[in-house]
């Protein structure tokens, strides 16, 4: 036994510490299948999240688009209502009964209506237009600008129409601008309103589309009718535009061409084509009042080349039958067609069953 030099206690040898197991500190191993399942669940969750975000974004964009379409239609409706209440109605009230209004005052008043019509066109031009409404917007601006320009020319023609030396010329100028107003109505009815309705329907938006008829009657296309209204002698209507007492109305009694009376029904009438082909419409005034500005028309459909409608404006005497000759402006091509002849309704007329006749025909060269 050995001792330290200083006589201390003998050293003792420490027992070695046991080695810690390396496997005891490790987590249990994750098998490959569990790992794949966890990854698949995470991937599906991410995909679902992306889909939900996409649906939310699309719903937001669709909602904003639908709101823009509704807003556009609401504004067009407002403009159409203003055109009727603030321009068309007071304009034709003035023209139908100018009374003692001077030519200068009439010009000034109609110019104010023109300014209002131009404001409506400017308002429409400033609209924020959804992509689906671009076509409707283009035609809307065309119709509104037509109206504003026609009103300017009507105002300029009024002094002559209300005068004595150039009254017929002035009335003719006003009647010509009434055709422009009619064109604007046709553009709105056949283009603007259907295109707006189509855009709303494509996105399942249930919202009415406003109509906009500026010209109250086709009678205003006649210079004679314009003169009669401005002078207070408008046939079957009073100075306020109301029908006079008594009965009113016409009948289309027969239609002939080349001396042959056409037959209605399923009969196909053979019509020999010749230069300046002219139809004879026999019209009878069956009321107790004389009428002015009565529009008689003939339309032909079914030809390879469209034929524009032919019209004529006449004055009629109570109880009198007269022949109205309507020449075609173009030579019709050979082939089967449908002819529709008609007499327009006049104020106070209630029975329209005898105002129109329809024929089947074949043009032969």
Protein backbone atom coordinates (compact mmCIF):
# COMPACT_ATOMS: atom_id res chain seq x y z
CA UNK A 1 0.00 0.00 0.00
CA UNK A 2 1.34 3.43 -0.94
CA UNK A 3 0.80 6.79 0.72
CA UNK A 4 1.09 10.37 -0.39
CA UNK A 5 4.24 12.20 0.53
CA UNK A 6 2.27 14.44 2.81
CA UNK A 7 0.75 11.56 4.62
CA UNK A 8 -2.80 12.16 3.36
CA UNK A 9 -5.41 9.60 2.92
CA UNK A 10 -5.01 7.09 0.20
CA UNK A 11 -6.56 7.82 -3.23
CA UNK A 12 -9.55 5.87 -4.29
CA UNK A 13 -10.21 4.99 -7.92
CA UNK A 14 -13.56 6.24 -9.28
CA UNK A 15 -15.78 3.75 -10.89
CA UNK A 16 -16.38 4.51 -14.61
CA UNK A 17 -19.74 6.12 -15.48
CA UNK A 18 -22.12 4.00 -17.48
CA UNK A 19 -22.36 5.02 -21.19
CA UNK A 20 -25.65 6.63 -22.21
CA UNK A 21 -27.46 4.71 -24.85
CA UNK A 22 -27.55 6.62 -28.18
CA UNK A 23 -30.80 5.00 -29.20
CA UNK A 24 -32.66 6.20 -26.11
CA UNK A 25 -32.49 9.90 -27.20
CA UNK A 26 -33.94 9.37 -30.69
CA UNK A 27 -37.68 9.88 -31.54
CA UNK A 28 -39.52 6.92 -32.85
CA UNK A 29 -38.98 6.65 -36.59
CA UNK A 30 -41.86 7.93 -38.95
CA UNK A 31 -42.68 5.40 -41.58
CA UNK A 32 -42.80 6.50 -45.24
CA UNK A 33 -46.54 5.90 -45.68
CA UNK A 34 -47.45 8.26 -42.82
CA UNK A 35 -45.16 10.91 -44.25
CA UNK A 36 -46.79 10.62 -47.66
CA UNK A 37 -50.26 10.89 -46.13
CA UNK A 38 -49.32 14.02 -44.24
CA UNK A 39 -47.86 15.60 -47.34
CA UNK A 40 -50.98 14.70 -49.35
CA UNK A 41 -53.26 16.22 -46.73
CA UNK A 42 -51.17 19.39 -46.70
CA UNK A 43 -51.25 19.59 -50.50
CA UNK A 44 -55.02 19.11 -50.63
CA UNK A 45 -55.48 21.77 -47.99
CA UNK A 46 -53.35 24.21 -49.96
CA UNK A 47 -55.28 23.41 -53.15
CA UNK A 48 -58.63 23.92 -51.41
CA UNK A 49 -57.39 27.24 -50.05
CA UNK A 50 -56.32 28.36 -53.53
CA UNK A 51 -59.71 27.33 -54.96
CA UNK A 52 -61.58 29.19 -52.24
CA UNK A 53 -59.49 32.30 -52.83
CA UNK A 54 -60.18 32.02 -56.58
CA UNK A 55 -63.91 31.64 -55.99
CA UNK A 56 -63.92 34.64 -53.68
CA UNK A 57 -62.01 36.77 -56.20
CA UNK A 58 -64.26 35.70 -59.06
CA UNK A 59 -67.38 36.36 -57.01
CA UNK A 60 -66.08 39.81 -56.19
CA UNK A 61 -65.30 40.58 -59.84
CA UNK A 62 -68.69 39.26 -61.00
CA UNK A 63 -70.46 41.31 -58.38
CA UNK A 64 -68.59 44.43 -59.43
CA UNK A 65 -69.32 43.72 -63.13
CA UNK A 66 -73.04 43.19 -62.45
CA UNK A 67 -73.16 46.40 -60.44
CA UNK A 68 -71.53 48.26 -63.35
CA UNK A 69 -74.09 46.84 -65.81
CA UNK A 70 -76.99 47.81 -63.55
CA UNK A 71 -75.55 51.28 -63.03
CA UNK A 72 -75.15 51.81 -66.78
CA UNK A 73 -78.73 50.73 -67.46
CA UNK A 74 -80.02 52.94 -64.64
CA UNK A 75 -78.27 55.98 -66.13
CA UNK A 76 -79.54 55.25 -69.64
CA UNK A 77 -83.05 54.93 -68.19
CA UNK A 78 -82.66 58.30 -66.48
CA UNK A 79 -81.49 59.91 -69.73
CA UNK A 80 -84.41 58.38 -71.65
CA UNK A 81 -86.90 59.65 -69.09
CA UNK A 82 -85.39 63.15 -69.20
CA UNK A 83 -85.54 63.15 -73.00
CA UNK A 84 -89.26 62.45 -72.81
CA UNK A 85 -90.29 64.73 -69.94
CA UNK A 86 -87.91 67.67 -70.47
CA UNK A 87 -87.53 67.76 -74.27
CA UNK A 88 -89.96 65.72 -76.37
CA UNK A 89 -93.19 66.41 -74.47
CA UNK A 90 -92.78 70.21 -74.17
CA UNK A 91 -91.40 70.47 -77.71
CA UNK A 92 -94.39 68.85 -79.38
CA UNK A 93 -96.78 70.62 -77.04
CA UNK A 94 -95.35 73.88 -78.39
CA UNK A 95 -95.37 72.77 -82.02
CA UNK A 96 -98.91 71.42 -81.76
CA UNK A 97 -100.25 74.64 -80.30
CA UNK A 98 -97.93 77.65 -80.72
CA UNK A 99 -100.90 79.99 -80.25
CA UNK A 100 -99.69 83.59 -80.15
CA UNK A 101 -96.04 82.62 -79.53
CA UNK A 102 -93.80 84.84 -81.65
CA UNK A 103 -91.31 83.34 -84.05
CA UNK A 104 -88.41 84.66 -81.97
CA UNK A 105 -89.81 83.24 -78.73
CA UNK A 106 -90.50 79.88 -80.38
CA UNK A 107 -86.94 79.76 -81.69
CA UNK A 108 -85.54 80.60 -78.26
CA UNK A 109 -87.68 77.98 -76.53
CA UNK A 110 -86.77 75.20 -78.93
CA UNK A 111 -83.09 76.19 -78.67
CA UNK A 112 -83.38 75.63 -74.91
CA UNK A 113 -84.72 72.15 -75.61
CA UNK A 114 -81.77 71.61 -77.93
CA UNK A 115 -79.39 72.58 -75.12
CA UNK A 116 -81.07 70.06 -72.83
CA UNK A 117 -80.80 67.37 -75.51
CA UNK A 118 -77.11 68.15 -75.94
CA UNK A 119 -76.59 67.92 -72.18
CA UNK A 120 -78.15 64.47 -72.27
CA UNK A 121 -75.78 63.46 -75.06
CA UNK A 122 -72.80 64.82 -73.09
CA UNK A 123 -73.93 62.98 -69.98
CA UNK A 124 -74.10 59.76 -71.95
CA UNK A 125 -70.67 60.38 -73.45
CA UNK A 126 -69.20 60.70 -69.95
CA UNK A 127 -70.56 57.35 -68.77
CA UNK A 128 -68.23 54.64 -67.51
CA UNK A 129 -69.11 51.95 -70.02
CA UNK A 130 -68.77 48.23 -69.17
CA UNK A 131 -67.22 46.14 -71.92
CA UNK A 132 -70.52 44.38 -72.55
CA UNK A 133 -72.22 47.72 -73.28
CA UNK A 134 -69.77 49.16 -75.82
CA UNK A 135 -72.08 48.50 -78.79
CA UNK A 136 -75.12 49.92 -77.02
CA UNK A 137 -73.13 52.99 -76.01
CA UNK A 138 -72.02 53.71 -79.56
CA UNK A 139 -75.59 53.60 -80.86
CA UNK A 140 -76.92 55.55 -77.88
CA UNK A 141 -74.58 58.45 -78.61
CA UNK A 142 -75.58 58.36 -82.27
CA UNK A 143 -79.29 58.57 -81.40
CA UNK A 144 -78.85 61.36 -78.83
CA UNK A 145 -76.68 63.45 -81.15
CA UNK A 146 -79.23 62.98 -83.94
CA UNK A 147 -81.89 64.43 -81.64
CA UNK A 148 -79.82 67.42 -80.55
CA UNK A 149 -78.87 68.31 -84.13
CA UNK A 150 -82.46 67.93 -85.37
CA UNK A 151 -83.71 70.26 -82.63
CA UNK A 152 -81.19 72.89 -83.65
CA UNK A 153 -82.44 72.82 -87.24
CA UNK A 154 -86.11 72.78 -86.16
CA UNK A 155 -85.48 75.89 -84.07
CA UNK A 156 -83.80 77.59 -87.03
CA UNK A 157 -86.74 76.73 -89.32
CA UNK A 158 -89.49 77.87 -86.97
CA UNK A 159 -89.35 81.60 -87.81
CA UNK A 160 -89.97 80.78 -91.47
CA UNK A 161 -92.64 78.18 -90.69
CA UNK A 162 -94.52 80.62 -88.46
CA UNK A 163 -94.20 83.43 -90.99
CA UNK A 164 -96.20 84.11 -94.08
CA UNK A 165 -93.73 84.35 -96.96
CA UNK A 166 -91.73 81.12 -96.44
CA UNK A 167 -94.14 79.08 -94.33
CA UNK A 168 -94.22 76.09 -96.70
CA UNK A 169 -90.43 75.99 -96.93
CA UNK A 170 -90.07 76.21 -93.16
CA UNK A 171 -92.63 73.46 -92.61
CA UNK A 172 -90.78 71.28 -95.12
CA UNK A 173 -87.51 71.78 -93.25
CA UNK A 174 -89.16 70.87 -89.95
CA UNK A 175 -90.74 67.75 -91.45
CA UNK A 176 -87.32 66.70 -92.79
CA UNK A 177 -85.86 66.92 -89.28
CA UNK A 178 -88.75 64.85 -87.98
CA UNK A 179 -87.35 62.05 -90.14
CA UNK A 180 -84.05 62.43 -88.29
CA UNK A 181 -85.89 62.16 -84.98
CA UNK A 182 -87.61 59.04 -86.28
CA UNK A 183 -84.21 57.58 -87.24
CA UNK A 184 -82.99 58.22 -83.70
CA UNK A 185 -86.04 56.39 -82.32
CA UNK A 186 -85.37 53.44 -84.63
CA UNK A 187 -81.71 53.28 -83.58
CA UNK A 188 -82.70 53.26 -79.92
CA UNK A 189 -85.49 50.70 -80.37
CA UNK A 190 -83.62 48.34 -82.70
CA UNK A 191 -80.07 48.68 -81.37
CA UNK A 192 -79.66 50.38 -78.00
CA UNK A 193 -82.45 48.70 -76.02
CA UNK A 194 -81.86 45.16 -77.44
CA UNK A 195 -78.10 45.34 -76.85
CA UNK A 196 -78.56 46.51 -73.26
CA UNK A 197 -81.16 43.79 -72.68
CA UNK A 198 -78.85 41.16 -74.16
CA UNK A 199 -75.94 42.18 -71.95
CA UNK A 200 -78.14 42.07 -68.84
CA UNK A 201 -79.65 38.73 -69.84
CA UNK A 202 -76.26 37.14 -70.53
CA UNK A 203 -75.39 37.72 -66.88
CA UNK A 204 -78.84 36.78 -65.54
CA UNK A 205 -79.62 40.32 -64.42
CA UNK A 206 -83.35 40.91 -64.19
CA UNK A 207 -83.74 44.62 -64.85
CA UNK A 208 -86.11 46.45 -67.23
CA UNK A 209 -84.66 48.39 -70.15
CA UNK A 210 -86.28 51.77 -70.77
CA UNK A 211 -87.91 52.57 -74.09
CA UNK A 212 -87.31 55.97 -75.65
CA UNK A 213 -89.71 57.21 -78.33
CA UNK A 214 -89.08 60.87 -79.04
CA UNK A 215 -91.38 61.36 -82.07
CA UNK A 216 -95.00 61.03 -80.87
CA UNK A 217 -96.58 60.39 -84.28
CA UNK A 218 -95.54 59.64 -87.85
CA UNK A 219 -97.91 62.40 -88.92
CA UNK A 220 -95.14 64.89 -88.16
CA UNK A 221 -93.24 63.58 -91.20
CA UNK A 222 -95.73 65.43 -93.39
CA UNK A 223 -95.06 69.12 -94.19
CA UNK A 224 -98.80 69.58 -94.53
CA UNK A 225 -99.36 68.24 -91.05
CA UNK A 226 -96.61 70.49 -89.63
CA UNK A 227 -98.27 73.48 -91.28
CA UNK A 228 -101.68 72.43 -90.00
CA UNK A 229 -100.39 72.11 -86.44
CA UNK A 230 -98.55 75.42 -86.50
CA UNK A 231 -101.61 77.21 -87.88
CA UNK A 232 -104.10 75.46 -85.59
CA UNK A 233 -105.90 73.71 -88.44
CA UNK A 234 -104.83 70.09 -87.97
CA UNK A 235 -107.73 68.15 -89.44
CA UNK A 236 -109.17 65.74 -86.91
CA UNK A 237 -107.47 67.20 -83.84
CA UNK A 238 -107.95 70.33 -81.80
CA UNK A 239 -105.30 72.95 -81.13
CA UNK A 240 -104.23 70.99 -78.04
CA UNK A 241 -103.75 67.82 -80.06
CA UNK A 242 -106.86 66.04 -78.75
CA UNK A 243 -109.16 64.30 -81.24
CA UNK A 244 -112.14 66.36 -82.35
CA UNK A 245 -115.64 65.18 -81.51
CA UNK A 246 -117.03 62.51 -83.78
CA UNK A 247 -115.53 59.37 -85.27
CA UNK A 248 -112.05 58.92 -86.71
CA UNK A 249 -110.38 56.26 -88.81
CA UNK A 250 -109.53 54.79 -92.18
CA UNK A 251 -109.81 51.49 -93.99
CA UNK A 252 -107.46 50.01 -96.54
CA UNK A 253 -110.00 48.75 -99.07
CA UNK A 254 -107.80 47.21 -101.77
CA UNK A 255 -104.29 47.07 -103.23
CA UNK A 256 -103.57 46.74 -106.92
CA UNK A 257 -100.55 46.86 -109.20
CA UNK A 258 -100.49 47.04 -112.99
CA UNK A 259 -104.28 47.18 -113.04
CA UNK A 260 -104.64 43.86 -111.16
CA UNK A 261 -106.12 43.75 -107.65
CA UNK A 262 -104.07 41.59 -105.29
CA UNK A 263 -105.68 38.71 -103.37
CA UNK A 264 -105.05 38.06 -99.69
CA UNK A 265 -104.59 34.67 -98.06
CA UNK A 266 -102.47 31.84 -99.45
CA UNK A 267 -102.78 32.93 -103.07
CA UNK A 268 -99.41 33.85 -104.59
CA UNK A 269 -99.99 36.94 -106.74
CA UNK A 270 -97.87 37.14 -109.87
CA UNK A 271 -96.46 40.64 -110.33
CA UNK A 272 -94.72 41.54 -113.57
CA UNK A 273 -91.71 43.73 -112.80
CA UNK A 274 -91.41 46.92 -114.79
CA UNK A 275 -89.54 50.22 -114.42
CA UNK A 276 -91.11 52.50 -111.81
CA UNK A 277 -93.37 49.76 -110.50
CA UNK A 278 -96.24 51.51 -108.69
CA UNK A 279 -98.79 50.13 -106.22
CA UNK A 280 -102.26 51.61 -105.90
CA UNK A 281 -103.64 51.58 -102.34
CA UNK A 282 -107.33 52.43 -102.09
CA UNK A 283 -107.89 54.25 -98.78
CA UNK A 284 -111.23 55.30 -97.38
CA UNK A 285 -111.85 57.82 -94.60
CA UNK A 286 -114.60 56.11 -92.62
CA UNK A 287 -114.83 58.75 -89.88
CA UNK A 288 -116.82 61.95 -89.58
CA UNK A 289 -113.69 64.13 -89.52
CA UNK A 290 -111.23 65.25 -92.14
CA UNK A 291 -107.70 64.07 -91.32
CA UNK A 292 -104.26 65.46 -92.13
CA UNK A 293 -100.84 63.86 -92.19
CA UNK A 294 -102.12 60.30 -92.68
CA UNK A 295 -99.21 57.92 -93.36
CA UNK A 296 -99.80 55.16 -95.92
CA UNK A 297 -97.01 52.59 -96.29
CA UNK A 298 -95.96 49.51 -98.22
CA UNK A 299 -93.28 47.07 -97.06
CA UNK A 300 -91.79 44.16 -99.01
CA UNK A 301 -89.84 41.38 -97.31
CA UNK A 302 -88.19 38.20 -98.50
CA UNK A 303 -86.10 39.58 -101.36
CA UNK A 304 -82.40 38.79 -101.69
CA UNK A 305 -81.75 42.53 -101.93
CA UNK A 306 -83.61 44.48 -99.21
CA UNK A 307 -86.25 46.91 -100.47
CA UNK A 308 -86.73 50.00 -98.29
CA UNK A 309 -90.29 50.66 -97.08
CA UNK A 310 -92.24 53.06 -99.29
CA UNK A 311 -94.52 55.63 -97.66
CA UNK A 312 -96.75 58.50 -98.62
CA UNK A 313 -98.42 61.09 -96.40
CA UNK A 314 -101.87 62.27 -97.40
CA UNK A 315 -104.83 64.34 -96.22
CA UNK A 316 -108.27 62.73 -96.33
CA UNK A 317 -111.85 63.95 -96.39
CA UNK A 318 -114.56 62.38 -94.23
CA UNK A 319 -116.45 59.68 -96.14
CA UNK A 320 -114.21 59.91 -99.23
CA UNK A 321 -112.27 57.03 -100.84
CA UNK A 322 -109.05 57.92 -102.64
CA UNK A 323 -106.28 56.15 -104.52
CA UNK A 324 -102.80 56.47 -103.02
CA UNK A 325 -100.07 55.72 -105.57
CA UNK A 326 -96.83 54.43 -104.03
CA UNK A 327 -93.95 53.78 -106.47
CA UNK A 328 -91.05 51.53 -105.51
CA UNK A 329 -87.70 53.29 -105.30
CA UNK A 330 -85.80 50.21 -106.53
CA UNK A 331 -86.52 47.46 -109.02
CA UNK A 332 -87.31 44.29 -107.04
CA UNK A 333 -85.45 41.08 -107.90
CA UNK A 334 -87.34 38.02 -109.05
CA UNK A 335 -88.67 35.71 -106.33
CA UNK A 336 -91.36 35.17 -103.75
CA UNK A 337 -92.08 37.96 -101.26
CA UNK A 338 -94.55 39.15 -98.64
CA UNK A 339 -96.27 42.49 -99.12
CA UNK A 340 -97.76 44.45 -96.22
CA UNK A 341 -99.82 47.58 -96.98
CA UNK A 342 -101.14 49.72 -94.15
CA UNK A 343 -102.71 53.00 -93.11
CA UNK A 344 -101.36 54.48 -89.87
CA UNK A 345 -103.63 55.12 -86.92
CA UNK A 346 -104.89 58.69 -86.51
CA UNK A 347 -105.79 60.33 -83.17
CA UNK A 348 -109.16 59.09 -81.94
CA UNK A 349 -109.16 55.94 -84.11
CA UNK A 350 -110.08 52.84 -82.13
CA UNK A 351 -110.67 50.14 -84.75
CA UNK A 352 -107.49 49.07 -86.58
CA UNK A 353 -108.53 45.68 -87.94
CA UNK A 354 -109.14 47.11 -91.42
CA UNK A 355 -106.01 49.27 -91.60
CA UNK A 356 -103.68 46.59 -92.95
CA UNK A 357 -103.58 43.91 -95.64
CA UNK A 358 -100.96 41.19 -96.18
CA UNK A 359 -100.26 39.47 -99.51
CA UNK A 360 -98.05 36.71 -100.89
CA UNK A 361 -96.53 37.56 -104.24
CA UNK A 362 -93.92 36.53 -106.76
CA UNK A 363 -92.01 39.08 -108.79
CA UNK A 364 -91.55 37.94 -112.38
CA UNK A 365 -89.06 39.54 -114.78
